[in-house]
């Protein structure tokens, strides 16, 4: 029963999408495809970056790292890329 309702909703959405101008349909397609690409990997990556940021912040608060001005760090990074 639930499957029929879901299929009905998908069909209705599809009909409405086909009524959109070509440009809007293309944008909708892009958004749907991007949502498939993101998936769990992106959620996991975001979680890992949050954990890393928290870890770095905690080390900084505990005095286990040193601070440097952002412009100094960026200049060093640029020099390393050359």
C-alpha atoms as a PDB file:
ATOM      1  CA  UNK A   1       0.000   0.000   0.000  1.00  0.00           C
ATOM      2  CA  UNK A   2       2.794   2.443   0.961  1.00  0.00           C
ATOM      3  CA  UNK A   3       4.567   1.642  -2.327  1.00  0.00           C
ATOM      4  CA  UNK A   4       1.493   2.705  -4.326  1.00  0.00           C
ATOM      5  CA  UNK A   5       1.312   6.026  -2.477  1.00  0.00           C
ATOM      6  CA  UNK A   6       5.007   6.664  -3.045  1.00  0.00           C
ATOM      7  CA  UNK A   7       4.750   5.753  -6.725  1.00  0.00           C
ATOM      8  CA  UNK A   8       1.726   8.015  -7.071  1.00  0.00           C
ATOM      9  CA  UNK A   9       3.612  10.914  -5.460  1.00  0.00           C
ATOM     10  CA  UNK A  10       6.620  10.354  -7.713  1.00  0.00           C
ATOM     11  CA  UNK A  11       4.408  10.296 -10.794  1.00  0.00           C
ATOM     12  CA  UNK A  12       2.700  13.530  -9.712  1.00  0.00           C
ATOM     13  CA  UNK A  13       6.048  15.231  -9.091  1.00  0.00           C
ATOM     14  CA  UNK A  14       7.267  14.007 -12.482  1.00  0.00           C
ATOM     15  CA  UNK A  15       4.225  15.437 -14.264  1.00  0.00           C
ATOM     16  CA  UNK A  16       4.706  18.801 -12.560  1.00  0.00           C
ATOM     17  CA  UNK A  17       8.428  18.780 -13.357  1.00  0.00           C
ATOM     18  CA  UNK A  18       7.684  18.194 -17.048  1.00  0.00           C
ATOM     19  CA  UNK A  19       5.554  21.336 -17.067  1.00  0.00           C
ATOM     20  CA  UNK A  20       8.569  23.454 -16.079  1.00  0.00           C
ATOM     21  CA  UNK A  21      10.540  25.423 -18.673  1.00  0.00           C
ATOM     22  CA  UNK A  22      13.592  23.591 -20.042  1.00  0.00           C
ATOM     23  CA  UNK A  23      16.021  25.725 -18.002  1.00  0.00           C
ATOM     24  CA  UNK A  24      14.224  24.923 -14.739  1.00  0.00           C
ATOM     25  CA  UNK A  25      14.072  21.213 -15.604  1.00  0.00           C
ATOM     26  CA  UNK A  26      17.823  21.238 -16.218  1.00  0.00           C
ATOM     27  CA  UNK A  27      18.414  22.924 -12.855  1.00  0.00           C
ATOM     28  CA  UNK A  28      16.183  20.344 -11.153  1.00  0.00           C
ATOM     29  CA  UNK A  29      18.091  17.504 -12.815  1.00  0.00           C
ATOM     30  CA  UNK A  30      21.404  18.969 -11.674  1.00  0.00           C
ATOM     31  CA  UNK A  31      20.152  19.297  -8.097  1.00  0.00           C
ATOM     32  CA  UNK A  32      18.863  15.728  -8.060  1.00  0.00           C
ATOM     33  CA  UNK A  33      22.110  14.340  -9.477  1.00  0.00           C
ATOM     34  CA  UNK A  34      24.195  16.303  -6.980  1.00  0.00           C
ATOM     35  CA  UNK A  35      22.073  14.965  -4.149  1.00  0.00           C
ATOM     36  CA  UNK A  36      22.888  11.424  -5.290  1.00  0.00           C
ATOM     37  CA  UNK A  37      26.611  12.169  -5.493  1.00  0.00           C
ATOM     38  CA  UNK A  38      26.773  13.643  -2.001  1.00  0.00           C
ATOM     39  CA  UNK A  39      25.333  10.670  -0.182  1.00  0.00           C
ATOM     40  CA  UNK A  40      26.875   9.218   2.940  1.00  0.00           C
ATOM     41  CA  UNK A  41      30.467   9.938   1.959  1.00  0.00           C
ATOM     42  CA  UNK A  42      29.945  13.671   2.304  1.00  0.00           C
ATOM     43  CA  UNK A  43      28.149  13.278   5.624  1.00  0.00           C
ATOM     44  CA  UNK A  44      31.001  11.128   6.904  1.00  0.00           C
ATOM     45  CA  UNK A  45      33.611  13.576   5.599  1.00  0.00           C
ATOM     46  CA  UNK A  46      31.866  16.491   7.284  1.00  0.00           C
ATOM     47  CA  UNK A  47      31.759  14.587  10.554  1.00  0.00           C
ATOM     48  CA  UNK A  48      35.463  13.790  10.261  1.00  0.00           C
ATOM     49  CA  UNK A  49      36.332  17.454   9.606  1.00  0.00           C
ATOM     50  CA  UNK A  50      34.302  18.536  12.634  1.00  0.00           C
ATOM     51  CA  UNK A  51      36.163  16.002  14.776  1.00  0.00           C
ATOM     52  CA  UNK A  52      39.503  17.220  13.408  1.00  0.00           C
ATOM     53  CA  UNK A  53      38.609  20.880  14.034  1.00  0.00           C
ATOM     54  CA  UNK A  54      37.580  20.083  17.606  1.00  0.00           C
ATOM     55  CA  UNK A  55      40.784  18.144  18.164  1.00  0.00           C
ATOM     56  CA  UNK A  56      42.931  20.998  16.837  1.00  0.00           C
ATOM     57  CA  UNK A  57      41.048  23.537  18.943  1.00  0.00           C
ATOM     58  CA  UNK A  58      41.475  21.433  22.074  1.00  0.00           C
ATOM     59  CA  UNK A  59      45.229  21.088  21.432  1.00  0.00           C
ATOM     60  CA  UNK A  60      45.433  24.856  20.972  1.00  0.00           C
ATOM     61  CA  UNK A  61      43.537  25.536  24.223  1.00  0.00           C
ATOM     62  CA  UNK A  62      45.880  23.165  26.059  1.00  0.00           C
ATOM     63  CA  UNK A  63      48.918  25.034  24.722  1.00  0.00           C
ATOM     64  CA  UNK A  64      50.101  22.067  22.684  1.00  0.00           C
ATOM     65  CA  UNK A  65      50.240  24.084  19.451  1.00  0.00           C
ATOM     66  CA  UNK A  66      51.354  27.553  18.551  1.00  0.00           C
ATOM     67  CA  UNK A  67      49.384  30.245  16.823  1.00  0.00           C
ATOM     68  CA  UNK A  68      50.502  32.030  13.675  1.00  0.00           C
ATOM     69  CA  UNK A  69      48.923  34.934  11.792  1.00  0.00           C
ATOM     70  CA  UNK A  70      46.830  33.772   8.835  1.00  0.00           C
ATOM     71  CA  UNK A  71      48.784  35.900   6.349  1.00  0.00           C
ATOM     72  CA  UNK A  72      52.025  34.204   7.453  1.00  0.00           C
ATOM     73  CA  UNK A  73      50.528  30.764   6.969  1.00  0.00           C
ATOM     74  CA  UNK A  74      49.114  31.686   3.544  1.00  0.00           C
ATOM     75  CA  UNK A  75      52.418  33.164   2.365  1.00  0.00           C
ATOM     76  CA  UNK A  76      54.258  30.013   3.414  1.00  0.00           C
ATOM     77  CA  UNK A  77      51.679  27.858   1.635  1.00  0.00           C
ATOM     78  CA  UNK A  78      52.046  29.927  -1.558  1.00  0.00           C
ATOM     79  CA  UNK A  79      55.827  29.628  -1.378  1.00  0.00           C
ATOM     80  CA  UNK A  80      55.560  25.856  -1.035  1.00  0.00           C
ATOM     81  CA  UNK A  81      53.382  25.668  -4.136  1.00  0.00           C
ATOM     82  CA  UNK A  82      56.003  27.365  -6.319  1.00  0.00           C
END
